[in-house]
């Protein structure tokens, strides 16, 4: 009985610790999300590494609207539709908000995607380039190609430092925020797609 009591005690402590860690992870993520929502806008320079090559990009986010320039392709989301502009193919792909999540570079939803469909684990803490980075492990609750996601959070300024997606295939991709500017002066037409600028482009409307 004494041995059983010890095992149960360890088990309950483990469950309680896991719950506390999940709560702490969620709290930190919510603090980061709340801080980013306080900004009028964000301009982010980032790198994307898929294990084979590293590519740089830029994202401008204002509320639900954003533009992303990445690998020569521009994505504009005006709050209801996404426009993917591909100069190489002279093609513009238009997708509704429902389709946008599957089309967008994940940098655009980096600050809010975690709120649905994930459980949280308080992971390791490291000092990277002089910054205190706390990692939160996110595990999808539904079937996805992604096995787990690690968000690295700068605990000093409550900004996301990087995101690592680990896939079931064994591969992974890493998005690292290289610069993070807020409350910038932006053009009022930045999040508006002007068809007149692409007179010879093929318009591929997915909806």
C-alpha atoms as a PDB file:
ATOM      1  CA  UNK A   1       0.000   0.000   0.000  1.00  0.00           C
ATOM      2  CA  UNK A   2       2.861   2.358   0.840  1.00  0.00           C
ATOM      3  CA  UNK A   3       4.456   1.734  -2.553  1.00  0.00           C
ATOM      4  CA  UNK A   4       1.106   2.308  -4.306  1.00  0.00           C
ATOM      5  CA  UNK A   5       0.595   5.528  -2.390  1.00  0.00           C
ATOM      6  CA  UNK A   6       4.037   6.719  -3.458  1.00  0.00           C
ATOM      7  CA  UNK A   7       3.317   5.931  -7.120  1.00  0.00           C
ATOM      8  CA  UNK A   8      -0.036   7.738  -6.969  1.00  0.00           C
ATOM      9  CA  UNK A   9       1.587  10.699  -5.261  1.00  0.00           C
ATOM     10  CA  UNK A  10       4.218  10.967  -8.003  1.00  0.00           C
ATOM     11  CA  UNK A  11       1.506  10.602 -10.652  1.00  0.00           C
ATOM     12  CA  UNK A  12      -0.651  13.370  -9.161  1.00  0.00           C
ATOM     13  CA  UNK A  13       2.371  15.649  -8.798  1.00  0.00           C
ATOM     14  CA  UNK A  14       3.227  15.013 -12.444  1.00  0.00           C
ATOM     15  CA  UNK A  15      -0.315  15.832 -13.562  1.00  0.00           C
ATOM     16  CA  UNK A  16      -0.387  18.993 -11.451  1.00  0.00           C
ATOM     17  CA  UNK A  17       3.010  20.117 -12.792  1.00  0.00           C
ATOM     18  CA  UNK A  18       1.895  19.506 -16.379  1.00  0.00           C
ATOM     19  CA  UNK A  19      -1.247  21.571 -15.788  1.00  0.00           C
ATOM     20  CA  UNK A  20       0.771  24.394 -14.238  1.00  0.00           C
ATOM     21  CA  UNK A  21       3.218  24.345 -17.167  1.00  0.00           C
ATOM     22  CA  UNK A  22       0.361  24.442 -19.692  1.00  0.00           C
ATOM     23  CA  UNK A  23      -1.203  27.376 -17.824  1.00  0.00           C
ATOM     24  CA  UNK A  24       2.125  29.242 -17.734  1.00  0.00           C
ATOM     25  CA  UNK A  25       2.660  28.614 -21.449  1.00  0.00           C
ATOM     26  CA  UNK A  26      -0.816  29.883 -22.343  1.00  0.00           C
ATOM     27  CA  UNK A  27      -0.349  32.934 -20.114  1.00  0.00           C
ATOM     28  CA  UNK A  28       2.923  33.889 -21.817  1.00  0.00           C
ATOM     29  CA  UNK A  29       1.416  33.427 -25.287  1.00  0.00           C
ATOM     30  CA  UNK A  30      -1.570  35.587 -24.337  1.00  0.00           C
ATOM     31  CA  UNK A  31       0.751  38.295 -22.994  1.00  0.00           C
ATOM     32  CA  UNK A  32       2.642  38.329 -26.304  1.00  0.00           C
ATOM     33  CA  UNK A  33      -0.613  38.431 -28.269  1.00  0.00           C
ATOM     34  CA  UNK A  34      -2.015  41.265 -26.123  1.00  0.00           C
ATOM     35  CA  UNK A  35       1.148  43.308 -26.566  1.00  0.00           C
ATOM     36  CA  UNK A  36       1.194  42.913 -30.339  1.00  0.00           C
ATOM     37  CA  UNK A  37      -2.484  43.904 -30.520  1.00  0.00           C
ATOM     38  CA  UNK A  38      -1.592  47.176 -28.824  1.00  0.00           C
ATOM     39  CA  UNK A  39       0.539  48.176 -31.819  1.00  0.00           C
ATOM     40  CA  UNK A  40      -1.002  50.164 -34.640  1.00  0.00           C
ATOM     41  CA  UNK A  41       1.019  48.067 -37.081  1.00  0.00           C
ATOM     42  CA  UNK A  42       4.130  45.878 -37.303  1.00  0.00           C
ATOM     43  CA  UNK A  43       6.848  45.705 -39.946  1.00  0.00           C
ATOM     44  CA  UNK A  44       8.862  42.500 -39.716  1.00  0.00           C
ATOM     45  CA  UNK A  45      11.979  41.363 -41.556  1.00  0.00           C
ATOM     46  CA  UNK A  46      12.333  37.598 -41.257  1.00  0.00           C
ATOM     47  CA  UNK A  47      14.283  34.603 -42.506  1.00  0.00           C
ATOM     48  CA  UNK A  48      12.835  31.240 -43.508  1.00  0.00           C
ATOM     49  CA  UNK A  49      14.989  28.118 -43.323  1.00  0.00           C
ATOM     50  CA  UNK A  50      13.721  24.730 -44.489  1.00  0.00           C
ATOM     51  CA  UNK A  51      16.962  22.884 -43.828  1.00  0.00           C
ATOM     52  CA  UNK A  52      18.115  23.250 -47.422  1.00  0.00           C
ATOM     53  CA  UNK A  53      18.290  26.980 -47.889  1.00  0.00           C
ATOM     54  CA  UNK A  54      17.561  30.221 -46.076  1.00  0.00           C
ATOM     55  CA  UNK A  55      15.433  32.942 -47.649  1.00  0.00           C
ATOM     56  CA  UNK A  56      14.649  36.422 -46.374  1.00  0.00           C
ATOM     57  CA  UNK A  57      11.259  38.109 -46.464  1.00  0.00           C
ATOM     58  CA  UNK A  58       9.282  41.055 -45.170  1.00  0.00           C
ATOM     59  CA  UNK A  59       5.810  41.294 -43.655  1.00  0.00           C
ATOM     60  CA  UNK A  60       3.680  44.288 -42.734  1.00  0.00           C
ATOM     61  CA  UNK A  61       0.721  43.568 -40.443  1.00  0.00           C
ATOM     62  CA  UNK A  62      -2.074  45.893 -39.378  1.00  0.00           C
ATOM     63  CA  UNK A  63      -4.912  44.213 -37.527  1.00  0.00           C
ATOM     64  CA  UNK A  64      -6.152  41.380 -39.735  1.00  0.00           C
ATOM     65  CA  UNK A  65      -4.649  42.927 -42.861  1.00  0.00           C
ATOM     66  CA  UNK A  66      -1.137  42.174 -44.060  1.00  0.00           C
ATOM     67  CA  UNK A  67       1.298  42.096 -46.936  1.00  0.00           C
ATOM     68  CA  UNK A  68       4.122  39.581 -47.267  1.00  0.00           C
ATOM     69  CA  UNK A  69       7.018  39.732 -49.733  1.00  0.00           C
ATOM     70  CA  UNK A  70       8.722  36.364 -49.908  1.00  0.00           C
ATOM     71  CA  UNK A  71      10.727  34.549 -52.601  1.00  0.00           C
ATOM     72  CA  UNK A  72       9.693  37.085 -55.229  1.00  0.00           C
ATOM     73  CA  UNK A  73       5.988  36.642 -54.516  1.00  0.00           C
ATOM     74  CA  UNK A  74       3.761  39.242 -52.852  1.00  0.00           C
ATOM     75  CA  UNK A  75       0.750  38.304 -50.743  1.00  0.00           C
ATOM     76  CA  UNK A  76      -1.847  40.915 -49.829  1.00  0.00           C
ATOM     77  CA  UNK A  77      -4.701  40.186 -47.431  1.00  0.00           C
ATOM     78  CA  UNK A  78      -7.221  43.020 -47.223  1.00  0.00           C
ATOM     79  CA  UNK A  79      -9.307  41.477 -44.456  1.00  0.00           C
ATOM     80  CA  UNK A  80     -11.625  39.511 -46.722  1.00  0.00           C
ATOM     81  CA  UNK A  81      -9.576  38.278 -49.675  1.00  0.00           C
ATOM     82  CA  UNK A  82      -5.990  37.277 -50.307  1.00  0.00           C
ATOM     83  CA  UNK A  83      -4.133  38.224 -53.466  1.00  0.00           C
ATOM     84  CA  UNK A  84      -1.005  36.242 -54.363  1.00  0.00           C
ATOM     85  CA  UNK A  85       1.001  38.108 -56.991  1.00  0.00           C
ATOM     86  CA  UNK A  86       3.544  36.033 -58.934  1.00  0.00           C
ATOM     87  CA  UNK A  87       5.598  38.180 -61.353  1.00  0.00           C
ATOM     88  CA  UNK A  88       7.454  35.177 -62.800  1.00  0.00           C
ATOM     89  CA  UNK A  89       4.229  33.581 -64.062  1.00  0.00           C
ATOM     90  CA  UNK A  90       2.420  36.909 -64.484  1.00  0.00           C
ATOM     91  CA  UNK A  91      -0.431  35.498 -62.429  1.00  0.00           C
ATOM     92  CA  UNK A  92      -2.594  36.755 -59.565  1.00  0.00           C
ATOM     93  CA  UNK A  93      -4.356  34.160 -57.423  1.00  0.00           C
ATOM     94  CA  UNK A  94      -7.349  35.382 -55.433  1.00  0.00           C
ATOM     95  CA  UNK A  95      -8.601  33.426 -52.412  1.00  0.00           C
ATOM     96  CA  UNK A  96     -11.342  34.114 -49.872  1.00  0.00           C
ATOM     97  CA  UNK A  97     -10.646  34.512 -46.168  1.00  0.00           C
ATOM     98  CA  UNK A  98     -11.616  30.854 -45.658  1.00  0.00           C
ATOM     99  CA  UNK A  99      -8.888  29.763 -48.071  1.00  0.00           C
ATOM    100  CA  UNK A 100      -6.314  32.299 -46.937  1.00  0.00           C
ATOM    101  CA  UNK A 101      -4.902  30.291 -44.033  1.00  0.00           C
ATOM    102  CA  UNK A 102      -3.804  27.492 -46.327  1.00  0.00           C
ATOM    103  CA  UNK A 103      -2.286  29.923 -48.824  1.00  0.00           C
ATOM    104  CA  UNK A 104      -0.458  32.338 -46.552  1.00  0.00           C
ATOM    105  CA  UNK A 105       3.126  32.286 -45.424  1.00  0.00           C
ATOM    106  CA  UNK A 106       2.813  31.501 -41.733  1.00  0.00           C
ATOM    107  CA  UNK A 107       4.622  34.698 -40.708  1.00  0.00           C
ATOM    108  CA  UNK A 108       1.340  36.539 -41.203  1.00  0.00           C
ATOM    109  CA  UNK A 109      -0.506  34.446 -38.620  1.00  0.00           C
ATOM    110  CA  UNK A 110       2.521  34.002 -36.386  1.00  0.00           C
ATOM    111  CA  UNK A 111       1.001  35.996 -33.565  1.00  0.00           C
ATOM    112  CA  UNK A 112      -2.468  34.465 -33.359  1.00  0.00           C
ATOM    113  CA  UNK A 113      -2.533  30.957 -34.868  1.00  0.00           C
ATOM    114  CA  UNK A 114      -1.967  29.220 -31.523  1.00  0.00           C
ATOM    115  CA  UNK A 115      -5.367  30.147 -30.066  1.00  0.00           C
ATOM    116  CA  UNK A 116      -7.255  27.221 -31.595  1.00  0.00           C
ATOM    117  CA  UNK A 117      -6.358  23.583 -32.079  1.00  0.00           C
ATOM    118  CA  UNK A 118      -3.264  23.249 -29.893  1.00  0.00           C
ATOM    119  CA  UNK A 119      -2.181  22.098 -26.455  1.00  0.00           C
ATOM    120  CA  UNK A 120       0.748  23.832 -24.769  1.00  0.00           C
ATOM    121  CA  UNK A 121       3.929  22.655 -23.059  1.00  0.00           C
ATOM    122  CA  UNK A 122       6.428  24.862 -21.197  1.00  0.00           C
ATOM    123  CA  UNK A 123       9.721  23.915 -22.858  1.00  0.00           C
ATOM    124  CA  UNK A 124      13.410  24.827 -22.487  1.00  0.00           C
ATOM    125  CA  UNK A 125      14.855  28.311 -21.994  1.00  0.00           C
ATOM    126  CA  UNK A 126      17.981  29.487 -23.813  1.00  0.00           C
ATOM    127  CA  UNK A 127      20.040  32.625 -24.271  1.00  0.00           C
ATOM    128  CA  UNK A 128      20.328  33.315 -28.016  1.00  0.00           C
ATOM    129  CA  UNK A 129      22.305  36.304 -29.285  1.00  0.00           C
ATOM    130  CA  UNK A 130      22.105  37.737 -25.792  1.00  0.00           C
ATOM    131  CA  UNK A 131      18.315  37.396 -25.657  1.00  0.00           C
ATOM    132  CA  UNK A 132      16.440  35.295 -23.035  1.00  0.00           C
ATOM    133  CA  UNK A 133      14.310  32.968 -25.169  1.00  0.00           C
ATOM    134  CA  UNK A 134      11.604  30.800 -23.587  1.00  0.00           C
ATOM    135  CA  UNK A 135      10.302  28.042 -25.847  1.00  0.00           C
ATOM    136  CA  UNK A 136       6.671  26.964 -25.857  1.00  0.00           C
ATOM    137  CA  UNK A 137       5.837  23.636 -27.489  1.00  0.00           C
ATOM    138  CA  UNK A 138       2.489  23.454 -29.279  1.00  0.00           C
ATOM    139  CA  UNK A 139       0.951  20.122 -30.189  1.00  0.00           C
ATOM    140  CA  UNK A 140      -1.915  20.022 -32.728  1.00  0.00           C
ATOM    141  CA  UNK A 141      -5.116  18.468 -31.384  1.00  0.00           C
ATOM    142  CA  UNK A 142      -6.264  17.464 -34.876  1.00  0.00           C
ATOM    143  CA  UNK A 143      -4.577  15.592 -37.708  1.00  0.00           C
ATOM    144  CA  UNK A 144      -2.036  17.793 -39.441  1.00  0.00           C
ATOM    145  CA  UNK A 145       1.217  17.375 -41.331  1.00  0.00           C
ATOM    146  CA  UNK A 146       2.891  19.287 -38.516  1.00  0.00           C
ATOM    147  CA  UNK A 147       3.836  17.095 -35.556  1.00  0.00           C
ATOM    148  CA  UNK A 148       4.694  19.957 -33.214  1.00  0.00           C
ATOM    149  CA  UNK A 149       5.570  23.646 -33.224  1.00  0.00           C
ATOM    150  CA  UNK A 150       8.074  25.468 -31.054  1.00  0.00           C
ATOM    151  CA  UNK A 151       7.623  29.183 -30.436  1.00  0.00           C
ATOM    152  CA  UNK A 152      10.669  30.988 -29.095  1.00  0.00           C
ATOM    153  CA  UNK A 153       9.630  34.059 -27.092  1.00  0.00           C
ATOM    154  CA  UNK A 154      11.903  36.871 -25.979  1.00  0.00           C
ATOM    155  CA  UNK A 155      10.786  37.139 -22.356  1.00  0.00           C
ATOM    156  CA  UNK A 156      12.392  40.560 -21.909  1.00  0.00           C
ATOM    157  CA  UNK A 157      10.240  42.399 -24.453  1.00  0.00           C
ATOM    158  CA  UNK A 158       7.468  39.770 -24.916  1.00  0.00           C
ATOM    159  CA  UNK A 159       8.001  39.429 -28.666  1.00  0.00           C
ATOM    160  CA  UNK A 160       8.235  36.239 -30.692  1.00  0.00           C
ATOM    161  CA  UNK A 161      11.808  35.444 -31.702  1.00  0.00           C
ATOM    162  CA  UNK A 162      11.246  32.411 -33.915  1.00  0.00           C
ATOM    163  CA  UNK A 163       8.909  29.588 -34.864  1.00  0.00           C
ATOM    164  CA  UNK A 164       9.990  26.034 -35.661  1.00  0.00           C
ATOM    165  CA  UNK A 165       7.570  23.652 -37.378  1.00  0.00           C
ATOM    166  CA  UNK A 166       8.493  19.972 -37.008  1.00  0.00           C
ATOM    167  CA  UNK A 167       6.722  17.769 -39.564  1.00  0.00           C
ATOM    168  CA  UNK A 168       5.722  14.140 -39.276  1.00  0.00           C
ATOM    169  CA  UNK A 169       8.038  13.397 -42.202  1.00  0.00           C
ATOM    170  CA  UNK A 170      10.982  14.404 -40.019  1.00  0.00           C
ATOM    171  CA  UNK A 171      11.712  17.680 -41.794  1.00  0.00           C
ATOM    172  CA  UNK A 172      11.357  21.090 -40.198  1.00  0.00           C
ATOM    173  CA  UNK A 173      11.191  24.773 -41.067  1.00  0.00           C
ATOM    174  CA  UNK A 174      12.254  27.774 -39.023  1.00  0.00           C
ATOM    175  CA  UNK A 175      11.019  31.361 -39.246  1.00  0.00           C
ATOM    176  CA  UNK A 176      13.219  33.843 -37.376  1.00  0.00           C
ATOM    177  CA  UNK A 177      12.282  37.485 -36.825  1.00  0.00           C
ATOM    178  CA  UNK A 178      15.364  39.531 -37.717  1.00  0.00           C
ATOM    179  CA  UNK A 179      13.869  42.972 -37.089  1.00  0.00           C
ATOM    180  CA  UNK A 180      10.601  44.098 -35.534  1.00  0.00           C
ATOM    181  CA  UNK A 181       9.340  47.658 -35.983  1.00  0.00           C
ATOM    182  CA  UNK A 182       6.021  48.995 -34.741  1.00  0.00           C
ATOM    183  CA  UNK A 183       3.686  51.939 -35.370  1.00  0.00           C
ATOM    184  CA  UNK A 184       5.216  52.855 -38.712  1.00  0.00           C
ATOM    185  CA  UNK A 185       3.840  55.382 -41.228  1.00  0.00           C
ATOM    186  CA  UNK A 186       2.207  53.243 -43.935  1.00  0.00           C
ATOM    187  CA  UNK A 187       0.639  54.007 -47.281  1.00  0.00           C
ATOM    188  CA  UNK A 188      -3.162  53.965 -47.079  1.00  0.00           C
ATOM    189  CA  UNK A 189      -3.241  51.697 -50.163  1.00  0.00           C
ATOM    190  CA  UNK A 190      -0.705  49.183 -48.856  1.00  0.00           C
ATOM    191  CA  UNK A 191      -3.331  46.490 -48.209  1.00  0.00           C
ATOM    192  CA  UNK A 192      -5.349  47.172 -51.358  1.00  0.00           C
ATOM    193  CA  UNK A 193      -4.960  45.141 -54.543  1.00  0.00           C
ATOM    194  CA  UNK A 194      -5.030  47.329 -57.659  1.00  0.00           C
ATOM    195  CA  UNK A 195      -5.855  45.198 -60.693  1.00  0.00           C
ATOM    196  CA  UNK A 196      -4.859  48.047 -62.999  1.00  0.00           C
ATOM    197  CA  UNK A 197      -1.208  47.521 -62.025  1.00  0.00           C
ATOM    198  CA  UNK A 198      -1.257  44.044 -63.601  1.00  0.00           C
ATOM    199  CA  UNK A 199      -2.988  44.461 -66.978  1.00  0.00           C
ATOM    200  CA  UNK A 200      -1.362  41.420 -68.608  1.00  0.00           C
ATOM    201  CA  UNK A 201      -1.590  39.067 -65.643  1.00  0.00           C
ATOM    202  CA  UNK A 202      -3.790  35.992 -65.577  1.00  0.00           C
ATOM    203  CA  UNK A 203      -6.324  36.285 -62.745  1.00  0.00           C
ATOM    204  CA  UNK A 204      -6.907  32.935 -61.048  1.00  0.00           C
ATOM    205  CA  UNK A 205      -9.942  33.255 -58.772  1.00  0.00           C
ATOM    206  CA  UNK A 206     -10.187  30.213 -56.499  1.00  0.00           C
ATOM    207  CA  UNK A 207     -13.694  31.037 -55.239  1.00  0.00           C
END
